[in-house]
Amino acid sequence: MNENKQGQVSVIIPARNEEANIARSVRSLAGQQGVKEILVVDDQSDDQTGEVLEGLKTEIAGLRTLRIESLPEGWLGKTYAVATAAREAGGNWLLFTDADTEHLPGSLAALLERAGRERADLLSVSPGQRTPTWWERSIIPLVYVNLARLYRFEEVSDPGSPTAAANGQYLLIRRDTYQRVGGHEAVRTQILEDVELARRVKATGGRLVFLSGAAWVRTRMYRTFGEMWRGWTKNLYLLHGKSLARMFQTFAVLWLLDLLPLLAFLALCFWFVVGRGSAATALVAVACLSGTVRRQLKYRQALRGLGFDPRLASYWLPGAALLSLLVLNSAVAHRLTGRVEWKGRAYSTKEKG
């Protein structure tokens, strides 16, 4: 089978109040080799998303739109939207992507070829991230560096490893594999539906390929600080495998290795200013500063490996402080409050049954 055969991929995009993003995403897909159709699901949008899509239909022949008017009981909004479109799709491959994701020229052909060469049943990439504001530059790269430790690309792609992951911003899956594992209906109550789908594929013997995707896809995940706060509050606890121990480990690393050495250095400098310093104090201060410099250099290297501009390492310390608060907030929301919010909907995080 020629994996690059023209017209074999059905692209599926859920869109809820995405008037600012949807045109860029759809246009970036329309010119990709291998696209059979683009199905956009308007998930009860109350902005101009529907109107933008109607306008796009006049220029993009393969664009189809579906509108969801209500959400059935037992489903989350995104899982119902993509499952609805998947039932209508006719491609040999399904590409699930987000309305805020831009696909660079030639990306689909390149990733289809990669999937075929590695006999992948599911291929996913972690997109490059656009970060125009200081808080995005602080949080987004640091989150992805930490996620790359939790879900190492080589481990996810190793058939012998139980580690499974995927990024719903770019999830390319064979249609027969999708149907075999039950599709999104099987993960309809899962907030982190992309990772759960990948786990099902790997658990049933399917091959995963997980890659850093800055060369092919890019996105701006959040446009406001509030969106970012709600988004990572929703996801971080789940991305840590619902493990308080793993959450505490992340929190401890952020404080003990990232924040406290610099705070200690500043405190010791103040001690010298007020005339209370000693040779031992100076040695400790130098050690703290040296540790801070080493951590920043290591962070720069990790950023470069994920396709981020290494200069974003200058935002590392405010990022560490914010991420530590987000880790705590996510744990509280999932374990104590039992409620998270996203796109105007509230979801219960309490385990059923």
Protein backbone atom coordinates (compact mmCIF):
# COMPACT_ATOMS: atom_id res chain seq x y z
CA MET A 1 0.00 0.00 0.00
CA ASN A 2 1.31 3.49 -0.88
CA GLU A 3 1.02 5.47 2.36
CA ASN A 4 1.14 8.75 0.44
CA LYS A 5 -1.75 7.91 -1.84
CA GLN A 6 -3.66 11.11 -2.63
CA GLY A 7 -6.99 11.56 -0.90
CA GLN A 8 -6.78 9.03 1.92
CA VAL A 9 -6.92 11.21 5.06
CA SER A 10 -10.07 12.53 6.72
CA VAL A 11 -9.15 15.52 8.88
CA ILE A 12 -11.38 16.09 11.91
CA ILE A 13 -11.42 19.40 13.83
CA PRO A 14 -13.64 20.12 16.84
CA ALA A 15 -14.38 23.85 17.12
CA ARG A 16 -16.05 25.57 20.06
CA ASN A 17 -15.90 29.37 19.86
CA GLU A 18 -12.88 29.34 17.56
CA GLU A 19 -13.62 32.32 15.31
CA ALA A 20 -10.09 33.65 15.81
CA ASN A 21 -8.35 30.40 14.82
CA ILE A 22 -10.43 28.19 12.58
CA ALA A 23 -9.73 29.84 9.21
CA ARG A 24 -5.95 29.61 9.65
CA SER A 25 -6.16 25.96 10.66
CA VAL A 26 -8.47 24.89 7.83
CA ARG A 27 -6.50 26.77 5.17
CA SER A 28 -3.24 25.22 6.36
CA LEU A 29 -4.80 21.78 5.85
CA ALA A 30 -6.57 22.43 2.56
CA GLY A 31 -3.34 22.44 0.58
CA GLN A 32 -1.85 19.32 2.15
CA GLN A 33 -1.23 16.33 -0.10
CA GLY A 34 -3.29 13.34 1.02
CA VAL A 35 -6.36 15.14 2.35
CA LYS A 36 -9.62 13.52 1.29
CA GLU A 37 -11.87 15.80 3.31
CA ILE A 38 -11.87 18.24 6.21
CA LEU A 39 -14.68 17.78 8.71
CA VAL A 40 -15.14 20.62 11.20
CA VAL A 41 -17.59 20.10 14.06
CA ASP A 42 -19.13 23.31 15.38
CA ASP A 43 -19.61 22.37 19.03
CA GLN A 44 -22.39 24.74 20.13
CA SER A 45 -20.35 27.85 19.36
CA ASP A 46 -21.98 31.15 20.25
CA ASP A 47 -19.44 33.34 18.43
CA GLN A 48 -18.86 33.71 14.67
CA THR A 49 -17.30 30.25 14.16
CA GLY A 50 -20.26 29.06 12.06
CA GLU A 51 -20.18 32.12 9.82
CA VAL A 52 -16.43 31.81 9.27
CA LEU A 53 -16.88 28.17 8.26
CA GLU A 54 -19.65 29.02 5.80
CA GLY A 55 -17.35 31.53 4.15
CA LEU A 56 -14.54 28.99 3.93
CA LYS A 57 -16.79 26.56 2.07
CA THR A 58 -16.75 28.87 -0.95
CA GLU A 59 -12.98 28.49 -1.31
CA ILE A 60 -12.32 24.95 0.00
CA ALA A 61 -14.19 22.22 -1.86
CA GLY A 62 -13.35 19.42 0.56
CA LEU A 63 -14.63 21.21 3.66
CA ARG A 64 -17.65 19.72 5.41
CA THR A 65 -19.20 21.12 8.58
CA LEU A 66 -21.37 19.55 11.23
CA ARG A 67 -23.20 21.35 14.01
CA ILE A 68 -23.82 19.93 17.47
CA GLU A 69 -26.87 21.39 19.20
CA SER A 70 -26.82 19.36 22.41
CA LEU A 71 -24.47 17.13 24.38
CA PRO A 72 -25.76 13.63 25.22
CA GLU A 73 -25.44 12.42 28.78
CA GLY A 74 -22.26 10.46 29.43
CA TRP A 75 -20.12 12.33 26.90
CA LEU A 76 -17.64 15.18 27.15
CA GLY A 77 -17.88 17.93 24.59
CA LYS A 78 -14.72 17.20 22.61
CA THR A 79 -15.12 13.43 22.56
CA TYR A 80 -18.69 13.72 21.28
CA ALA A 81 -17.67 16.24 18.61
CA VAL A 82 -14.85 14.14 17.18
CA ALA A 83 -16.80 10.88 17.45
CA THR A 84 -19.66 12.48 15.48
CA ALA A 85 -17.28 13.48 12.69
CA ALA A 86 -15.46 10.13 12.71
CA ARG A 87 -18.73 8.36 11.90
CA GLU A 88 -19.00 10.53 8.77
CA ALA A 89 -15.37 10.21 7.68
CA GLY A 90 -14.36 8.13 4.68
CA GLY A 91 -10.56 8.19 4.76
CA ASN A 92 -8.19 5.29 5.40
CA TRP A 93 -6.51 7.50 7.98
CA LEU A 94 -8.12 9.89 10.46
CA LEU A 95 -6.24 13.01 11.50
CA PHE A 96 -7.61 14.55 14.69
CA THR A 97 -6.33 18.06 15.19
CA ASP A 98 -7.36 21.26 16.96
CA ALA A 99 -8.77 24.52 15.65
CA ASP A 100 -5.79 26.46 17.00
CA THR A 101 -3.25 24.27 15.18
CA GLU A 102 -1.47 25.38 12.00
CA HIS A 103 -0.05 22.73 9.66
CA LEU A 104 3.11 23.68 7.82
CA PRO A 105 3.42 22.94 4.07
CA GLY A 106 4.20 19.31 3.29
CA SER A 107 3.69 18.17 6.89
CA LEU A 108 0.94 15.63 6.24
CA ALA A 109 2.81 13.90 3.40
CA ALA A 110 5.97 13.74 5.52
CA LEU A 111 4.19 12.31 8.54
CA LEU A 112 2.17 9.84 6.48
CA GLU A 113 5.43 8.60 4.99
CA ARG A 114 6.92 8.33 8.49
CA ALA A 115 3.88 6.41 9.73
CA GLY A 116 4.10 4.00 6.80
CA ARG A 117 7.84 3.50 7.14
CA GLU A 118 7.55 2.69 10.85
CA ARG A 119 4.34 0.69 10.44
CA ALA A 120 2.57 2.95 12.90
CA ASP A 121 -1.05 2.43 13.84
CA LEU A 122 -1.10 5.81 15.56
CA LEU A 123 1.32 8.67 15.00
CA SER A 124 1.20 11.80 17.11
CA VAL A 125 3.41 14.84 17.38
CA SER A 126 3.87 17.51 20.02
CA PRO A 127 3.49 20.74 18.01
CA GLY A 128 5.76 23.72 18.11
CA GLN A 129 4.34 26.41 20.38
CA ARG A 130 3.88 30.11 19.62
CA THR A 131 4.41 32.11 22.81
CA PRO A 132 3.97 35.87 22.27
CA THR A 133 3.34 36.87 25.92
CA TRP A 134 5.62 36.65 28.97
CA TRP A 135 3.37 34.16 30.76
CA GLU A 136 3.26 31.86 27.73
CA ARG A 137 7.05 32.04 27.44
CA SER A 138 7.32 31.21 31.14
CA ILE A 139 4.84 28.34 31.39
CA ILE A 140 4.40 26.62 28.03
CA PRO A 141 8.03 25.61 27.32
CA LEU A 142 8.59 24.49 30.92
CA VAL A 143 5.43 22.35 30.89
CA TYR A 144 6.56 20.61 27.71
CA VAL A 145 10.06 20.02 29.04
CA ASN A 146 8.51 18.35 32.08
CA LEU A 147 6.08 16.33 29.94
CA ALA A 148 9.01 15.14 27.81
CA ARG A 149 10.44 13.60 30.98
CA LEU A 150 7.15 11.94 31.92
CA TYR A 151 6.46 10.71 28.37
CA ARG A 152 9.77 10.25 26.59
CA PHE A 153 9.30 10.07 22.84
CA GLU A 154 11.52 7.00 22.52
CA GLU A 155 9.67 5.15 25.29
CA VAL A 156 6.23 5.88 23.83
CA SER A 157 7.46 4.72 20.41
CA ASP A 158 9.05 1.55 21.85
CA PRO A 159 6.68 -1.44 21.46
CA GLY A 160 8.36 -3.06 24.45
CA SER A 161 7.58 -0.17 26.79
CA PRO A 162 4.16 0.18 28.48
CA THR A 163 4.38 3.99 28.26
CA ALA A 164 1.71 5.42 25.96
CA ALA A 165 0.90 9.00 25.02
CA ALA A 166 -0.46 11.16 22.24
CA ASN A 167 -1.16 14.83 21.69
CA GLY A 168 -4.68 15.62 20.51
CA GLN A 169 -3.40 18.64 18.58
CA TYR A 170 -2.05 16.12 16.04
CA LEU A 171 -3.22 12.53 16.24
CA LEU A 172 -3.03 10.49 13.02
CA ILE A 173 -4.56 7.02 13.30
CA ARG A 174 -5.44 4.25 10.88
CA ARG A 175 -9.19 3.99 10.48
CA ASP A 176 -9.26 0.24 11.13
CA THR A 177 -7.18 0.70 14.30
CA TYR A 178 -9.52 3.44 15.49
CA GLN A 179 -12.54 1.21 15.00
CA ARG A 180 -10.82 -1.79 16.57
CA VAL A 181 -10.17 0.02 19.88
CA GLY A 182 -13.68 1.48 20.03
CA GLY A 183 -12.86 4.99 18.84
CA HIS A 184 -13.76 8.00 20.95
CA GLU A 185 -16.88 6.27 22.19
CA ALA A 186 -14.59 4.05 24.27
CA VAL A 187 -13.01 7.13 25.90
CA ARG A 188 -16.09 9.36 25.87
CA THR A 189 -15.82 10.29 29.57
CA GLN A 190 -12.06 10.90 29.55
CA ILE A 191 -10.82 14.48 29.85
CA LEU A 192 -7.42 13.39 28.51
CA GLU A 193 -8.94 11.46 25.64
CA ASP A 194 -5.83 11.56 23.43
CA VAL A 195 -3.63 9.76 25.94
CA GLU A 196 -6.39 7.26 26.76
CA LEU A 197 -6.86 6.45 23.08
CA ALA A 198 -3.12 5.90 22.69
CA ARG A 199 -3.12 3.57 25.71
CA ARG A 200 -5.87 1.49 24.15
CA VAL A 201 -4.01 1.25 20.87
CA LYS A 202 -0.78 0.13 22.55
CA ALA A 203 -2.54 -2.24 24.96
CA THR A 204 -4.08 -4.08 22.01
CA GLY A 205 -0.76 -4.52 20.22
CA GLY A 206 -0.84 -1.41 18.04
CA ARG A 207 2.32 0.52 17.20
CA LEU A 208 2.68 4.11 18.45
CA VAL A 209 5.04 6.70 17.03
CA PHE A 210 5.38 9.88 19.11
CA LEU A 211 7.56 12.75 17.90
CA SER A 212 8.56 16.31 18.60
CA GLY A 213 6.65 18.13 15.88
CA ALA A 214 7.91 21.72 15.69
CA ALA A 215 9.10 21.12 12.12
CA TRP A 216 5.59 20.20 10.94
CA VAL A 217 2.93 21.76 13.15
CA ARG A 218 2.62 24.81 15.39
CA THR A 219 -0.02 26.21 17.67
CA ARG A 220 -0.84 28.87 20.21
CA MET A 221 -2.68 26.96 22.90
CA TYR A 222 -4.07 29.80 25.01
CA ARG A 223 -4.85 33.43 24.27
CA THR A 224 -5.46 34.59 27.84
CA PHE A 225 -3.84 33.85 31.19
CA GLY A 226 -7.20 32.57 32.46
CA GLU A 227 -7.47 30.07 29.60
CA MET A 228 -3.97 28.85 30.33
CA TRP A 229 -4.70 28.49 34.04
CA ARG A 230 -7.92 26.52 33.44
CA GLY A 231 -6.34 24.39 30.70
CA TRP A 232 -3.36 23.18 32.72
CA THR A 233 -5.46 22.85 35.87
CA LYS A 234 -7.60 20.43 33.87
CA ASN A 235 -4.68 18.46 32.45
CA LEU A 236 -1.66 18.37 34.77
CA TYR A 237 -3.03 15.93 37.36
CA LEU A 238 -4.12 13.57 34.59
CA LEU A 239 -0.80 13.89 32.77
CA HIS A 240 0.89 12.81 36.02
CA GLY A 241 -1.11 9.59 35.88
CA LYS A 242 -3.49 10.75 38.66
CA SER A 243 -0.59 10.22 41.04
CA LEU A 244 -0.13 12.60 43.96
CA ALA A 245 3.36 11.16 44.42
CA ARG A 246 4.36 12.18 40.89
CA MET A 247 2.75 15.59 41.37
CA PHE A 248 4.70 16.08 44.60
CA GLN A 249 7.90 15.03 42.85
CA THR A 250 7.37 17.68 40.15
CA PHE A 251 6.55 20.29 42.81
CA ALA A 252 9.62 19.35 44.86
CA VAL A 253 11.96 19.53 41.86
CA LEU A 254 10.62 22.96 40.91
CA TRP A 255 11.29 24.29 44.40
CA LEU A 256 14.38 22.41 45.54
CA LEU A 257 16.33 22.54 42.27
CA ASP A 258 14.92 25.56 40.43
CA LEU A 259 13.70 28.16 42.91
CA LEU A 260 15.35 27.68 46.31
CA PRO A 261 18.99 27.89 45.15
CA LEU A 262 18.41 31.36 43.70
CA LEU A 263 16.36 32.48 46.69
CA ALA A 264 19.13 31.24 48.98
CA PHE A 265 21.74 33.07 46.92
CA LEU A 266 19.79 36.34 47.18
CA ALA A 267 19.30 35.85 50.92
CA LEU A 268 23.03 35.24 51.42
CA CYS A 269 23.88 38.33 49.37
CA PHE A 270 21.62 40.35 51.66
CA TRP A 271 23.42 38.79 54.62
CA PHE A 272 26.69 40.17 53.23
CA VAL A 273 25.16 43.61 52.61
CA VAL A 274 24.18 43.92 56.27
CA GLY A 275 27.67 42.86 57.30
CA ARG A 276 26.90 39.41 58.65
CA GLY A 277 28.61 37.31 55.98
CA SER A 278 31.58 34.99 56.37
CA ALA A 279 33.84 32.83 54.24
CA ALA A 280 31.48 29.88 54.72
CA THR A 281 28.54 32.07 53.70
CA ALA A 282 30.40 33.07 50.55
CA LEU A 283 31.09 29.44 49.63
CA VAL A 284 27.42 28.53 50.07
CA ALA A 285 26.37 31.55 48.00
CA VAL A 286 28.73 30.54 45.17
CA ALA A 287 27.40 26.97 45.28
CA CYS A 288 23.80 28.21 45.07
CA LEU A 289 24.59 30.49 42.14
CA SER A 290 26.51 27.71 40.39
CA GLY A 291 23.56 25.36 40.81
CA THR A 292 21.19 27.96 39.37
CA VAL A 293 23.43 28.52 36.33
CA ARG A 294 23.74 24.76 35.70
CA ARG A 295 19.97 24.31 35.91
CA GLN A 296 19.37 27.11 33.43
CA LEU A 297 21.92 25.70 31.00
CA LYS A 298 20.29 22.29 31.25
CA TYR A 299 16.90 23.88 30.60
CA ARG A 300 18.28 25.66 27.51
CA GLN A 301 19.48 22.32 26.18
CA ALA A 302 16.08 20.71 26.79
CA LEU A 303 14.32 23.59 25.02
CA ARG A 304 16.55 23.20 21.98
CA GLY A 305 15.80 19.48 21.86
CA LEU A 306 12.06 20.16 21.71
CA GLY A 307 12.31 22.81 19.02
CA PHE A 308 11.87 25.84 21.30
CA ASP A 309 14.02 28.94 21.06
CA PRO A 310 16.66 28.37 23.76
CA ARG A 311 16.47 32.06 24.64
CA LEU A 312 13.17 31.26 26.36
CA ALA A 313 15.32 29.91 29.20
CA SER A 314 15.42 33.49 30.49
CA TYR A 315 11.79 32.98 31.58
CA TRP A 316 12.62 29.80 33.47
CA LEU A 317 12.34 31.08 37.06
CA PRO A 318 8.93 32.81 36.80
CA GLY A 319 7.82 29.72 34.90
CA ALA A 320 8.94 27.45 37.73
CA ALA A 321 7.03 29.55 40.27
CA LEU A 322 3.85 29.57 38.16
CA LEU A 323 4.09 25.88 37.30
CA SER A 324 4.48 24.93 40.96
CA LEU A 325 1.23 26.80 41.70
CA LEU A 326 -0.48 25.13 38.76
CA VAL A 327 0.59 21.68 39.95
CA LEU A 328 -0.95 22.40 43.35
CA ASN A 329 -4.11 23.85 41.82
CA SER A 330 -4.58 20.87 39.52
CA ALA A 331 -4.20 18.43 42.41
CA VAL A 332 -6.72 20.39 44.49
CA ALA A 333 -9.22 20.62 41.63
CA HIS A 334 -9.11 16.90 40.87
CA ARG A 335 -8.74 15.44 44.37
CA LEU A 336 -10.56 17.91 46.62
CA THR A 337 -12.90 20.11 44.59
CA GLY A 338 -13.74 17.36 42.09
CA ARG A 339 -14.44 19.88 39.34
CA VAL A 340 -12.60 21.48 36.42
CA GLU A 341 -13.76 23.97 33.80
CA TRP A 342 -13.01 24.28 30.11
CA LYS A 343 -14.64 26.23 27.28
CA GLY A 344 -17.58 27.26 29.43
CA ARG A 345 -18.34 23.73 30.61
CA ALA A 346 -17.78 22.23 34.04
CA TYR A 347 -16.65 18.63 34.33
CA SER A 348 -16.70 16.37 37.36
CA THR A 349 -13.37 14.69 38.10
CA LYS A 350 -14.72 12.32 40.72
CA GLU A 351 -14.21 8.65 39.93
CA LYS A 352 -17.42 6.86 39.14
CA GLY A 353 -18.37 3.50 40.40
